Amino acid sequence: MNNALMVINPYKFSGQWVFDDDDTGLVKEPFVAGIDVMIDKLVSGLNKPSDGFLLIFSGSEFPSYDIKLEWRREDCGGNWYWCEEYSMEGWLCPALFKYFDVAPKEIFAKAKAT
């Protein structure tokens, strides 16, 4: 992991949450399999989040985080995480390894308006 806190800017494209990251070469990388639903819940209080919002995340706890994801299992090259705040699971694809050397046991995240 290069930074303790990382930031991406998810937005909606064709009805799907995606993000671009020039540093990793990801373009319109989609959030799927439950993570998209978690994002819907996470940004429900933000103004026009579908136009883009800041998603700050880390493998370490940080002040004022909104949600915590807990690692459950590996599957199809990605990893399933449990979110206690929303009582649901979501799958993070192998793009996770663009940010972490190994799948972290916990991921903390915060959504902010841009």
PDB file of N, CA and C in Angstrom:
ATOM      1  N   MET A   1       0.851  -1.171   0.000  1.00  0.00           N
ATOM      2  CA  MET A   1       0.000   0.000   0.000  1.00  0.00           C
ATOM      3  C   MET A   1       0.894   1.229   0.000  1.00  0.00           C
ATOM      4  N   ASN A   2       0.640   2.143  -0.930  1.00  0.00           N
ATOM      5  CA  ASN A   2       1.452   3.348  -1.043  1.00  0.00           C
ATOM      6  C   ASN A   2       1.038   4.433  -0.065  1.00  0.00           C
ATOM      7  N   ASN A   3      -0.245   4.665   0.074  1.00  0.00           N
ATOM      8  CA  ASN A   3      -0.754   5.709   0.955  1.00  0.00           C
ATOM      9  C   ASN A   3      -1.610   5.090   2.041  1.00  0.00           C
ATOM     10  N   ALA A   4      -1.655   5.757   3.203  1.00  0.00           N
ATOM     11  CA  ALA A   4      -2.549   5.296   4.259  1.00  0.00           C
ATOM     12  C   ALA A   4      -3.994   5.565   3.873  1.00  0.00           C
ATOM     13  N   LEU A   5      -4.250   6.741   3.250  1.00  0.00           N
ATOM     14  CA  LEU A   5      -5.579   7.083   2.760  1.00  0.00           C
ATOM     15  C   LEU A   5      -5.519   7.201   1.246  1.00  0.00           C
ATOM     16  N   MET A   6      -6.491   6.621   0.584  1.00  0.00           N
ATOM     17  CA  MET A   6      -6.570   6.701  -0.870  1.00  0.00           C
ATOM     18  C   MET A   6      -7.910   7.330  -1.240  1.00  0.00           C
ATOM     19  N   VAL A   7      -7.963   7.939  -2.412  1.00  0.00           N
ATOM     20  CA  VAL A   7      -9.173   8.634  -2.848  1.00  0.00           C
ATOM     21  C   VAL A   7      -9.459   8.290  -4.310  1.00  0.00           C
ATOM     22  N   ILE A   8     -10.702   7.940  -4.581  1.00  0.00           N
ATOM     23  CA  ILE A   8     -11.169   7.781  -5.951  1.00  0.00           C
ATOM     24  C   ILE A   8     -12.438   8.620  -6.097  1.00  0.00           C
ATOM     25  N   ASN A   9     -12.888   8.791  -7.329  1.00  0.00           N
ATOM     26  CA  ASN A   9     -14.033   9.654  -7.608  1.00  0.00           C
ATOM     27  C   ASN A   9     -15.103   8.872  -8.382  1.00  0.00           C
ATOM     28  N   PRO A  10     -15.874   8.018  -7.684  1.00  0.00           N
ATOM     29  CA  PRO A  10     -16.919   7.261  -8.377  1.00  0.00           C
ATOM     30  C   PRO A  10     -18.011   8.165  -8.938  1.00  0.00           C
ATOM     31  N   TYR A  11     -18.649   7.682 -10.000  1.00  0.00           N
ATOM     32  CA  TYR A  11     -19.750   8.391 -10.644  1.00  0.00           C
ATOM     33  C   TYR A  11     -20.602   7.342 -11.355  1.00  0.00           C
ATOM     34  N   LYS A  12     -21.790   7.754 -11.788  1.00  0.00           N
ATOM     35  CA  LYS A  12     -22.660   6.824 -12.504  1.00  0.00           C
ATOM     36  C   LYS A  12     -22.439   6.954 -14.005  1.00  0.00           C
ATOM     37  N   PHE A  13     -22.309   5.804 -14.670  1.00  0.00           N
ATOM     38  CA  PHE A  13     -22.184   5.726 -16.117  1.00  0.00           C
ATOM     39  C   PHE A  13     -23.138   4.638 -16.581  1.00  0.00           C
ATOM     40  N   SER A  14     -24.099   4.991 -17.411  1.00  0.00           N
ATOM     41  CA  SER A  14     -25.118   4.034 -17.880  1.00  0.00           C
ATOM     42  C   SER A  14     -25.801   3.329 -16.709  1.00  0.00           C
ATOM     43  N   GLY A  15     -26.045   4.077 -15.641  1.00  0.00           N
ATOM     44  CA  GLY A  15     -26.753   3.528 -14.490  1.00  0.00           C
ATOM     45  C   GLY A  15     -25.905   2.703 -13.539  1.00  0.00           C
ATOM     46  N   GLN A  16     -24.607   2.604 -13.776  1.00  0.00           N
ATOM     47  CA  GLN A  16     -23.708   1.776 -12.962  1.00  0.00           C
ATOM     48  C   GLN A  16     -22.656   2.646 -12.290  1.00  0.00           C
ATOM     49  N   TRP A  17     -22.370   2.383 -11.005  1.00  0.00           N
ATOM     50  CA  TRP A  17     -21.265   3.072 -10.340  1.00  0.00           C
ATOM     51  C   TRP A  17     -19.943   2.599 -10.923  1.00  0.00           C
ATOM     52  N   VAL A  18     -19.112   3.540 -11.358  1.00  0.00           N
ATOM     53  CA  VAL A  18     -17.792   3.255 -11.926  1.00  0.00           C
ATOM     54  C   VAL A  18     -16.805   4.305 -11.410  1.00  0.00           C
ATOM     55  N   PHE A  19     -15.531   4.086 -11.683  1.00  0.00           N
ATOM     56  CA  PHE A  19     -14.526   5.106 -11.383  1.00  0.00           C
ATOM     57  C   PHE A  19     -13.363   4.979 -12.350  1.00  0.00           C
ATOM     58  N   ASP A  20     -12.659   6.084 -12.517  1.00  0.00           N
ATOM     59  CA  ASP A  20     -11.434   6.138 -13.321  1.00  0.00           C
ATOM     60  C   ASP A  20     -10.285   6.442 -12.374  1.00  0.00           C
ATOM     61  N   ASP A  21      -9.112   5.928 -12.686  1.00  0.00           N
ATOM     62  CA  ASP A  21      -7.930   6.247 -11.895  1.00  0.00           C
ATOM     63  C   ASP A  21      -6.713   6.233 -12.821  1.00  0.00           C
ATOM     64  N   ASP A  22      -6.269   7.415 -13.204  1.00  0.00           N
ATOM     65  CA  ASP A  22      -5.121   7.535 -14.112  1.00  0.00           C
ATOM     66  C   ASP A  22      -3.878   6.851 -13.560  1.00  0.00           C
ATOM     67  N   ASP A  23      -3.705   6.881 -12.234  1.00  0.00           N
ATOM     68  CA  ASP A  23      -2.504   6.291 -11.624  1.00  0.00           C
ATOM     69  C   ASP A  23      -2.443   4.772 -11.771  1.00  0.00           C
ATOM     70  N   THR A  24      -3.606   4.129 -11.886  1.00  0.00           N
ATOM     71  CA  THR A  24      -3.631   2.666 -11.988  1.00  0.00           C
ATOM     72  C   THR A  24      -4.044   2.181 -13.373  1.00  0.00           C
ATOM     73  N   GLY A  25      -4.470   3.097 -14.239  1.00  0.00           N
ATOM     74  CA  GLY A  25      -4.909   2.719 -15.575  1.00  0.00           C
ATOM     75  C   GLY A  25      -6.332   2.210 -15.638  1.00  0.00           C
ATOM     76  N   LEU A  26      -7.086   2.355 -14.563  1.00  0.00           N
ATOM     77  CA  LEU A  26      -8.475   1.897 -14.563  1.00  0.00           C
ATOM     78  C   LEU A  26      -9.377   2.963 -15.186  1.00  0.00           C
ATOM     79  N   VAL A  27     -10.255   2.533 -16.083  1.00  0.00           N
ATOM     80  CA  VAL A  27     -11.198   3.433 -16.751  1.00  0.00           C
ATOM     81  C   VAL A  27     -12.586   2.800 -16.690  1.00  0.00           C
ATOM     82  N   LYS A  28     -13.536   3.551 -16.149  1.00  0.00           N
ATOM     83  CA  LYS A  28     -14.906   3.066 -15.992  1.00  0.00           C
ATOM     84  C   LYS A  28     -14.948   1.691 -15.324  1.00  0.00           C
ATOM     85  N   GLU A  29     -14.121   1.527 -14.304  1.00  0.00           N
ATOM     86  CA  GLU A  29     -14.081   0.276 -13.531  1.00  0.00           C
ATOM     87  C   GLU A  29     -15.374   0.188 -12.713  1.00  0.00           C
ATOM     88  N   PRO A  30     -16.184  -0.844 -12.931  1.00  0.00           N
ATOM     89  CA  PRO A  30     -17.485  -0.901 -12.263  1.00  0.00           C
ATOM     90  C   PRO A  30     -17.428  -1.490 -10.848  1.00  0.00           C
ATOM     91  N   PHE A  31     -18.355  -1.029 -10.037  1.00  0.00           N
ATOM     92  CA  PHE A  31     -18.639  -1.648  -8.741  1.00  0.00           C
ATOM     93  C   PHE A  31     -19.850  -2.543  -8.963  1.00  0.00           C
ATOM     94  N   VAL A  32     -19.765  -3.803  -8.567  1.00  0.00           N
ATOM     95  CA  VAL A  32     -20.827  -4.777  -8.816  1.00  0.00           C
ATOM     96  C   VAL A  32     -21.062  -5.627  -7.569  1.00  0.00           C
ATOM     97  N   ALA A  33     -21.984  -6.561  -7.673  1.00  0.00           N
ATOM     98  CA  ALA A  33     -22.199  -7.632  -6.687  1.00  0.00           C
ATOM     99  C   ALA A  33     -22.336  -7.126  -5.251  1.00  0.00           C
ATOM    100  N   GLY A  34     -23.204  -6.159  -5.077  1.00  0.00           N
ATOM    101  CA  GLY A  34     -23.493  -5.673  -3.736  1.00  0.00           C
ATOM    102  C   GLY A  34     -22.766  -4.402  -3.357  1.00  0.00           C
ATOM    103  N   ILE A  35     -21.562  -4.201  -3.863  1.00  0.00           N
ATOM    104  CA  ILE A  35     -20.828  -2.967  -3.553  1.00  0.00           C
ATOM    105  C   ILE A  35     -21.569  -1.776  -4.150  1.00  0.00           C
ATOM    106  N   ASP A  36     -22.177  -1.955  -5.309  1.00  0.00           N
ATOM    107  CA  ASP A  36     -22.958  -0.876  -5.917  1.00  0.00           C
ATOM    108  C   ASP A  36     -24.131  -0.472  -5.032  1.00  0.00           C
ATOM    109  N   VAL A  37     -24.778  -1.444  -4.408  1.00  0.00           N
ATOM    110  CA  VAL A  37     -25.894  -1.159  -3.496  1.00  0.00           C
ATOM    111  C   VAL A  37     -25.384  -0.443  -2.242  1.00  0.00           C
ATOM    112  N   MET A  38     -24.246  -0.873  -1.741  1.00  0.00           N
ATOM    113  CA  MET A  38     -23.647  -0.197  -0.584  1.00  0.00           C
ATOM    114  C   MET A  38     -23.353   1.264  -0.909  1.00  0.00           C
ATOM    115  N   ILE A  39     -22.848   1.507  -2.107  1.00  0.00           N
ATOM    116  CA  ILE A  39     -22.562   2.894  -2.508  1.00  0.00           C
ATOM    117  C   ILE A  39     -23.849   3.704  -2.559  1.00  0.00           C
ATOM    118  N   ASP A  40     -24.921   3.129  -3.091  1.00  0.00           N
ATOM    119  CA  ASP A  40     -26.212   3.829  -3.099  1.00  0.00           C
ATOM    120  C   ASP A  40     -26.592   4.276  -1.685  1.00  0.00           C
ATOM    121  N   LYS A  41     -26.423   3.392  -0.726  1.00  0.00           N
ATOM    122  CA  LYS A  41     -26.764   3.705   0.664  1.00  0.00           C
ATOM    123  C   LYS A  41     -25.793   4.744   1.241  1.00  0.00           C
ATOM    124  N   LEU A  42     -24.518   4.578   0.936  1.00  0.00           N
ATOM    125  CA  LEU A  42     -23.481   5.455   1.475  1.00  0.00           C
ATOM    126  C   LEU A  42     -23.659   6.906   1.041  1.00  0.00           C
ATOM    127  N   VAL A  43     -24.086   7.112  -0.190  1.00  0.00           N
ATOM    128  CA  VAL A  43     -24.166   8.477  -0.740  1.00  0.00           C
ATOM    129  C   VAL A  43     -25.578   9.066  -0.687  1.00  0.00           C
ATOM    130  N   SER A  44     -26.496   8.389  -0.037  1.00  0.00           N
ATOM    131  CA  SER A  44     -27.898   8.835  -0.053  1.00  0.00           C
ATOM    132  C   SER A  44     -28.077  10.258   0.481  1.00  0.00           C
ATOM    133  N   GLY A  45     -27.192  10.741   1.325  1.00  0.00           N
ATOM    134  CA  GLY A  45     -27.309  12.091   1.860  1.00  0.00           C
ATOM    135  C   GLY A  45     -26.526  13.149   1.103  1.00  0.00           C
ATOM    136  N   LEU A  46     -25.815  12.753   0.051  1.00  0.00           N
ATOM    137  CA  LEU A  46     -25.015  13.704  -0.721  1.00  0.00           C
ATOM    138  C   LEU A  46     -25.835  14.323  -1.845  1.00  0.00           C
ATOM    139  N   ASN A  47     -25.460  15.519  -2.244  1.00  0.00           N
ATOM    140  CA  ASN A  47     -26.123  16.214  -3.342  1.00  0.00           C
ATOM    141  C   ASN A  47     -25.538  15.747  -4.680  1.00  0.00           C
ATOM    142  N   LYS A  48     -26.385  15.204  -5.544  1.00  0.00           N
ATOM    143  CA  LYS A  48     -26.009  14.739  -6.882  1.00  0.00           C
ATOM    144  C   LYS A  48     -24.774  13.828  -6.900  1.00  0.00           C
ATOM    145  N   PRO A  49     -24.751  12.775  -6.093  1.00  0.00           N
ATOM    146  CA  PRO A  49     -23.576  11.900  -6.076  1.00  0.00           C
ATOM    147  C   PRO A  49     -23.331  11.195  -7.406  1.00  0.00           C
ATOM    148  N   SER A  50     -24.381  10.996  -8.206  1.00  0.00           N
ATOM    149  CA  SER A  50     -24.196  10.300  -9.486  1.00  0.00           C
ATOM    150  C   SER A  50     -23.282  11.083 -10.436  1.00  0.00           C
ATOM    151  N   ASP A  51     -23.143  12.399 -10.208  1.00  0.00           N
ATOM    152  CA  ASP A  51     -22.214  13.211 -11.001  1.00  0.00           C
ATOM    153  C   ASP A  51     -20.769  13.041 -10.531  1.00  0.00           C
ATOM    154  N   GLY A  52     -20.592  12.396  -9.400  1.00  0.00           N
ATOM    155  CA  GLY A  52     -19.267  12.150  -8.845  1.00  0.00           C
ATOM    156  C   GLY A  52     -19.190  12.579  -7.393  1.00  0.00           C
ATOM    157  N   PHE A  53     -18.461  11.796  -6.623  1.00  0.00           N
ATOM    158  CA  PHE A  53     -18.217  12.103  -5.221  1.00  0.00           C
ATOM    159  C   PHE A  53     -16.840  11.554  -4.862  1.00  0.00           C
ATOM    160  N   LEU A  54     -16.302  11.993  -3.739  1.00  0.00           N
ATOM    161  CA  LEU A  54     -15.010  11.487  -3.278  1.00  0.00           C
ATOM    162  C   LEU A  54     -15.241  10.278  -2.390  1.00  0.00           C
ATOM    163  N   LEU A  55     -14.546   9.202  -2.665  1.00  0.00           N
ATOM    164  CA  LEU A  55     -14.568   8.026  -1.810  1.00  0.00           C
ATOM    165  C   LEU A  55     -13.167   7.876  -1.230  1.00  0.00           C
ATOM    166  N   ILE A  56     -13.061   8.163   0.044  1.00  0.00           N
ATOM    167  CA  ILE A  56     -11.793   8.045   0.766  1.00  0.00           C
ATOM    168  C   ILE A  56     -11.796   6.677   1.424  1.00  0.00           C
ATOM    169  N   PHE A  57     -10.713   5.917   1.271  1.00  0.00           N
ATOM    170  CA  PHE A  57     -10.685   4.573   1.849  1.00  0.00           C
ATOM    171  C   PHE A  57      -9.289   4.205   2.320  1.00  0.00           C
ATOM    172  N   SER A  58      -9.240   3.227   3.223  1.00  0.00           N
ATOM    173  CA  SER A  58      -7.981   2.808   3.813  1.00  0.00           C
ATOM    174  C   SER A  58      -8.129   1.413   4.408  1.00  0.00           C
ATOM    175  N   GLY A  59      -7.021   0.722   4.519  1.00  0.00           N
ATOM    176  CA  GLY A  59      -6.988  -0.556   5.215  1.00  0.00           C
ATOM    177  C   GLY A  59      -6.835  -0.361   6.713  1.00  0.00           C
ATOM    178  N   SER A  60      -6.743   0.885   7.142  1.00  0.00           N
ATOM    179  CA  SER A  60      -6.628   1.232   8.563  1.00  0.00           C
ATOM    180  C   SER A  60      -7.749   2.194   8.934  1.00  0.00           C
ATOM    181  N   GLU A  61      -8.188   2.090  10.164  1.00  0.00           N
ATOM    182  CA  GLU A  61      -9.244   2.988  10.649  1.00  0.00           C
ATOM    183  C   GLU A  61      -8.752   4.429  10.607  1.00  0.00           C
ATOM    184  N   PHE A  62      -9.643   5.341  10.252  1.00  0.00           N
ATOM    185  CA  PHE A  62      -9.318   6.768  10.271  1.00  0.00           C
ATOM    186  C   PHE A  62     -10.511   7.538  10.837  1.00  0.00           C
ATOM    187  N   PRO A  63     -10.282   8.739  11.384  1.00  0.00           N
ATOM    188  CA  PRO A  63     -11.363   9.498  12.013  1.00  0.00           C
ATOM    189  C   PRO A  63     -12.503   9.785  11.039  1.00  0.00           C
ATOM    190  N   SER A  64     -13.695   9.672  11.530  1.00  0.00           N
ATOM    191  CA  SER A  64     -14.946   9.995  10.841  1.00  0.00           C
ATOM    192  C   SER A  64     -15.241   9.117   9.618  1.00  0.00           C
ATOM    193  N   TYR A  65     -14.710   7.890   9.583  1.00  0.00           N
ATOM    194  CA  TYR A  65     -15.084   6.996   8.484  1.00  0.00           C
ATOM    195  C   TYR A  65     -16.588   6.707   8.572  1.00  0.00           C
ATOM    196  N   ASP A  66     -17.209   6.382   7.440  1.00  0.00           N
ATOM    197  CA  ASP A  66     -18.647   6.112   7.397  1.00  0.00           C
ATOM    198  C   ASP A  66     -18.970   4.627   7.543  1.00  0.00           C
ATOM    199  N   ILE A  67     -18.211   3.781   6.853  1.00  0.00           N
ATOM    200  CA  ILE A  67     -18.484   2.341   6.901  1.00  0.00           C
ATOM    201  C   ILE A  67     -17.186   1.556   7.018  1.00  0.00           C
ATOM    202  N   LYS A  68     -17.347   0.336   7.529  1.00  0.00           N
ATOM    203  CA  LYS A  68     -16.225  -0.599   7.612  1.00  0.00           C
ATOM    204  C   LYS A  68     -16.641  -1.880   6.897  1.00  0.00           C
ATOM    205  N   LEU A  69     -15.771  -2.366   6.030  1.00  0.00           N
ATOM    206  CA  LEU A  69     -15.974  -3.641   5.360  1.00  0.00           C
ATOM    207  C   LEU A  69     -15.051  -4.658   6.006  1.00  0.00           C
ATOM    208  N   GLU A  70     -15.576  -5.842   6.293  1.00  0.00           N
ATOM    209  CA  GLU A  70     -14.796  -6.911   6.911  1.00  0.00           C
ATOM    210  C   GLU A  70     -14.647  -8.057   5.923  1.00  0.00           C
ATOM    211  N   TRP A  71     -13.395  -8.487   5.695  1.00  0.00           N
ATOM    212  CA  TRP A  71     -13.095  -9.546   4.737  1.00  0.00           C
ATOM    213  C   TRP A  71     -13.784 -10.842   5.141  1.00  0.00           C
ATOM    214  N   ARG A  72     -14.344 -11.534   4.162  1.00  0.00           N
ATOM    215  CA  ARG A  72     -14.999 -12.821   4.400  1.00  0.00           C
ATOM    216  C   ARG A  72     -14.326 -13.970   3.656  1.00  0.00           C
ATOM    217  N   ARG A  73     -14.101 -13.802   2.331  1.00  0.00           N
ATOM    218  CA  ARG A  73     -13.532 -14.914   1.558  1.00  0.00           C
ATOM    219  C   ARG A  73     -13.118 -14.432   0.176  1.00  0.00           C
ATOM    220  N   GLU A  74     -12.244 -15.205  -0.439  1.00  0.00           N
ATOM    221  CA  GLU A  74     -11.816 -14.953  -1.815  1.00  0.00           C
ATOM    222  C   GLU A  74     -12.769 -15.683  -2.761  1.00  0.00           C
ATOM    223  N   ASP A  75     -12.997 -15.104  -3.953  1.00  0.00           N
ATOM    224  CA  ASP A  75     -13.872 -15.733  -4.935  1.00  0.00           C
ATOM    225  C   ASP A  75     -13.628 -15.092  -6.294  1.00  0.00           C
ATOM    226  N   CYS A  76     -13.388 -15.902  -7.314  1.00  0.00           N
ATOM    227  CA  CYS A  76     -13.242 -15.429  -8.694  1.00  0.00           C
ATOM    228  C   CYS A  76     -12.175 -14.343  -8.839  1.00  0.00           C
ATOM    229  N   GLY A  77     -11.104 -14.439  -8.079  1.00  0.00           N
ATOM    230  CA  GLY A  77     -10.017 -13.475  -8.154  1.00  0.00           C
ATOM    231  C   GLY A  77     -10.248 -12.219  -7.337  1.00  0.00           C
ATOM    232  N   GLY A  78     -11.470 -12.039  -6.848  1.00  0.00           N
ATOM    233  CA  GLY A  78     -11.797 -10.895  -6.001  1.00  0.00           C
ATOM    234  C   GLY A  78     -12.056 -11.353  -4.582  1.00  0.00           C
ATOM    235  N   ASN A  79     -12.668 -10.489  -3.789  1.00  0.00           N
ATOM    236  CA  ASN A  79     -12.900 -10.793  -2.383  1.00  0.00           C
ATOM    237  C   ASN A  79     -14.250 -10.269  -1.924  1.00  0.00           C
ATOM    238  N   TRP A  80     -14.921 -11.085  -1.118  1.00  0.00           N
ATOM    239  CA  TRP A  80     -16.196 -10.708  -0.518  1.00  0.00           C
ATOM    240  C   TRP A  80     -15.946 -10.039   0.825  1.00  0.00           C
ATOM    241  N   TYR A  81     -16.696  -8.956   1.053  1.00  0.00           N
ATOM    242  CA  TYR A  81     -16.611  -8.201   2.300  1.00  0.00           C
ATOM    243  C   TYR A  81     -18.004  -8.038   2.893  1.00  0.00           C
ATOM    244  N   TRP A  82     -18.080  -8.066   4.228  1.00  0.00           N
ATOM    245  CA  TRP A  82     -19.316  -7.856   4.967  1.00  0.00           C
ATOM    246  C   TRP A  82     -19.343  -6.422   5.485  1.00  0.00           C
ATOM    247  N   CYS A  83     -20.486  -5.768   5.348  1.00  0.00           N
ATOM    248  CA  CYS A  83     -20.690  -4.415   5.867  1.00  0.00           C
ATOM    249  C   CYS A  83     -21.745  -4.491   6.965  1.00  0.00           C
ATOM    250  N   GLU A  84     -21.325  -4.343   8.192  1.00  0.00           N
ATOM    251  CA  GLU A  84     -22.249  -4.410   9.332  1.00  0.00           C
ATOM    252  C   GLU A  84     -23.276  -3.278   9.273  1.00  0.00           C
ATOM    253  N   GLU A  85     -22.836  -2.080   8.865  1.00  0.00           N
ATOM    254  CA  GLU A  85     -23.744  -0.926   8.813  1.00  0.00           C
ATOM    255  C   GLU A  85     -24.960  -1.191   7.937  1.00  0.00           C
ATOM    256  N   TYR A  86     -24.797  -1.964   6.876  1.00  0.00           N
ATOM    257  CA  TYR A  86     -25.893  -2.244   5.951  1.00  0.00           C
ATOM    258  C   TYR A  86     -26.344  -3.702   5.987  1.00  0.00           C
ATOM    259  N   SER A  87     -25.743  -4.507   6.853  1.00  0.00           N
ATOM    260  CA  SER A  87     -26.086  -5.931   7.001  1.00  0.00           C
ATOM    261  C   SER A  87     -26.102  -6.642   5.653  1.00  0.00           C
ATOM    262  N   MET A  88     -25.013  -6.466   4.895  1.00  0.00           N
ATOM    263  CA  MET A  88     -24.939  -7.106   3.577  1.00  0.00           C
ATOM    264  C   MET A  88     -23.493  -7.341   3.159  1.00  0.00           C
ATOM    265  N   GLU A  89     -23.335  -8.218   2.188  1.00  0.00           N
ATOM    266  CA  GLU A  89     -22.035  -8.513   1.609  1.00  0.00           C
ATOM    267  C   GLU A  89     -21.893  -7.847   0.251  1.00  0.00           C
ATOM    268  N   GLY A  90     -20.642  -7.614  -0.129  1.00  0.00           N
ATOM    269  CA  GLY A  90     -20.347  -7.115  -1.456  1.00  0.00           C
ATOM    270  C   GLY A  90     -19.004  -7.654  -1.914  1.00  0.00           C
ATOM    271  N   TRP A  91     -18.838  -7.750  -3.228  1.00  0.00           N
ATOM    272  CA  TRP A  91     -17.628  -8.320  -3.820  1.00  0.00           C
ATOM    273  C   TRP A  91     -16.788  -7.214  -4.431  1.00  0.00           C
ATOM    274  N   LEU A  92     -15.528  -7.185  -4.073  1.00  0.00           N
ATOM    275  CA  LEU A  92     -14.572  -6.267  -4.685  1.00  0.00           C
ATOM    276  C   LEU A  92     -13.714  -7.064  -5.656  1.00  0.00           C
ATOM    277  N   CYS A  93     -13.681  -6.622  -6.905  1.00  0.00           N
ATOM    278  CA  CYS A  93     -12.987  -7.334  -7.976  1.00  0.00           C
ATOM    279  C   CYS A  93     -11.466  -7.238  -7.802  1.00  0.00           C
ATOM    280  N   PRO A  94     -10.713  -7.910  -8.669  1.00  0.00           N
ATOM    281  CA  PRO A  94      -9.255  -7.880  -8.564  1.00  0.00           C
ATOM    282  C   PRO A  94      -8.623  -6.491  -8.685  1.00  0.00           C
ATOM    283  N   ALA A  95      -9.371  -5.486  -9.106  1.00  0.00           N
ATOM    284  CA  ALA A  95      -8.825  -4.121  -9.112  1.00  0.00           C
ATOM    285  C   ALA A  95      -8.429  -3.684  -7.703  1.00  0.00           C
ATOM    286  N   LEU A  96      -8.953  -4.359  -6.690  1.00  0.00           N
ATOM    287  CA  LEU A  96      -8.563  -4.102  -5.297  1.00  0.00           C
ATOM    288  C   LEU A  96      -7.044  -4.137  -5.141  1.00  0.00           C
ATOM    289  N   PHE A  97      -6.389  -5.015  -5.915  1.00  0.00           N
ATOM    290  CA  PHE A  97      -4.945  -5.193  -5.789  1.00  0.00           C
ATOM    291  C   PHE A  97      -4.138  -4.081  -6.467  1.00  0.00           C
ATOM    292  N   LYS A  98      -4.822  -3.135  -7.085  1.00  0.00           N
ATOM    293  CA  LYS A  98      -4.152  -1.921  -7.566  1.00  0.00           C
ATOM    294  C   LYS A  98      -3.881  -0.991  -6.384  1.00  0.00           C
ATOM    295  N   TYR A  99      -4.581  -1.231  -5.267  1.00  0.00           N
ATOM    296  CA  TYR A  99      -4.488  -0.370  -4.088  1.00  0.00           C
ATOM    297  C   TYR A  99      -3.885  -1.068  -2.875  1.00  0.00           C
ATOM    298  N   PHE A 100      -4.009  -2.377  -2.813  1.00  0.00           N
ATOM    299  CA  PHE A 100      -3.497  -3.162  -1.690  1.00  0.00           C
ATOM    300  C   PHE A 100      -2.699  -4.345  -2.224  1.00  0.00           C
ATOM    301  N   ASP A 101      -1.590  -4.661  -1.582  1.00  0.00           N
ATOM    302  CA  ASP A 101      -0.781  -5.818  -1.984  1.00  0.00           C
ATOM    303  C   ASP A 101      -1.524  -7.130  -1.745  1.00  0.00           C
ATOM    304  N   VAL A 102      -2.251  -7.186  -0.645  1.00  0.00           N
ATOM    305  CA  VAL A 102      -3.093  -8.333  -0.307  1.00  0.00           C
ATOM    306  C   VAL A 102      -4.448  -7.790   0.116  1.00  0.00           C
ATOM    307  N   ALA A 103      -5.470  -8.608   0.039  1.00  0.00           N
ATOM    308  CA  ALA A 103      -6.808  -8.164   0.450  1.00  0.00           C
ATOM    309  C   ALA A 103      -6.786  -7.843   1.939  1.00  0.00           C
ATOM    310  N   PRO A 104      -7.081  -6.601   2.304  1.00  0.00           N
ATOM    311  CA  PRO A 104      -7.053  -6.254   3.727  1.00  0.00           C
ATOM    312  C   PRO A 104      -8.188  -6.928   4.495  1.00  0.00           C
ATOM    313  N   LYS A 105      -7.955  -7.191   5.755  1.00  0.00           N
ATOM    314  CA  LYS A 105      -8.984  -7.796   6.606  1.00  0.00           C
ATOM    315  C   LYS A 105     -10.121  -6.817   6.856  1.00  0.00           C
ATOM    316  N   GLU A 106      -9.806  -5.522   6.818  1.00  0.00           N
ATOM    317  CA  GLU A 106     -10.813  -4.484   6.990  1.00  0.00           C
ATOM    318  C   GLU A 106     -10.525  -3.346   6.017  1.00  0.00           C
ATOM    319  N   ILE A 107     -11.595  -2.733   5.528  1.00  0.00           N
ATOM    320  CA  ILE A 107     -11.479  -1.530   4.707  1.00  0.00           C
ATOM    321  C   ILE A 107     -12.436  -0.501   5.299  1.00  0.00           C
ATOM    322  N   PHE A 108     -11.920   0.679   5.548  1.00  0.00           N
ATOM    323  CA  PHE A 108     -12.713   1.774   6.092  1.00  0.00           C
ATOM    324  C   PHE A 108     -12.929   2.784   4.972  1.00  0.00           C
ATOM    325  N   ALA A 109     -14.133   3.355   4.905  1.00  0.00           N
ATOM    326  CA  ALA A 109     -14.438   4.264   3.808  1.00  0.00           C
ATOM    327  C   ALA A 109     -15.314   5.423   4.267  1.00  0.00           C
ATOM    328  N   LYS A 110     -15.173   6.527   3.537  1.00  0.00           N
ATOM    329  CA  LYS A 110     -15.967   7.734   3.772  1.00  0.00           C
ATOM    330  C   LYS A 110     -16.319   8.346   2.424  1.00  0.00           C
ATOM    331  N   ALA A 111     -17.564   8.786   2.298  1.00  0.00           N
ATOM    332  CA  ALA A 111     -18.019   9.476   1.087  1.00  0.00           C
ATOM    333  C   ALA A 111     -18.137  10.969   1.389  1.00  0.00           C
ATOM    334  N   LYS A 112     -17.636  11.782   0.451  1.00  0.00           N
ATOM    335  CA  LYS A 112     -17.742  13.243   0.583  1.00  0.00           C
ATOM    336  C   LYS A 112     -18.182  13.818  -0.750  1.00  0.00           C
ATOM    337  N   ALA A 113     -18.959  14.859  -0.676  1.00  0.00           N
ATOM    338  CA  ALA A 113     -19.358  15.560  -1.892  1.00  0.00           C
ATOM    339  C   ALA A 113     -18.156  16.241  -2.512  1.00  0.00           C
ATOM    340  N   THR A 114     -18.158  16.358  -3.844  1.00  0.00           N
ATOM    341  CA  THR A 114     -17.056  17.039  -4.511  1.00  0.00           C
ATOM    342  C   THR A 114     -17.307  18.533  -4.574  1.00  0.00           C
TER     343      THR A 114
END
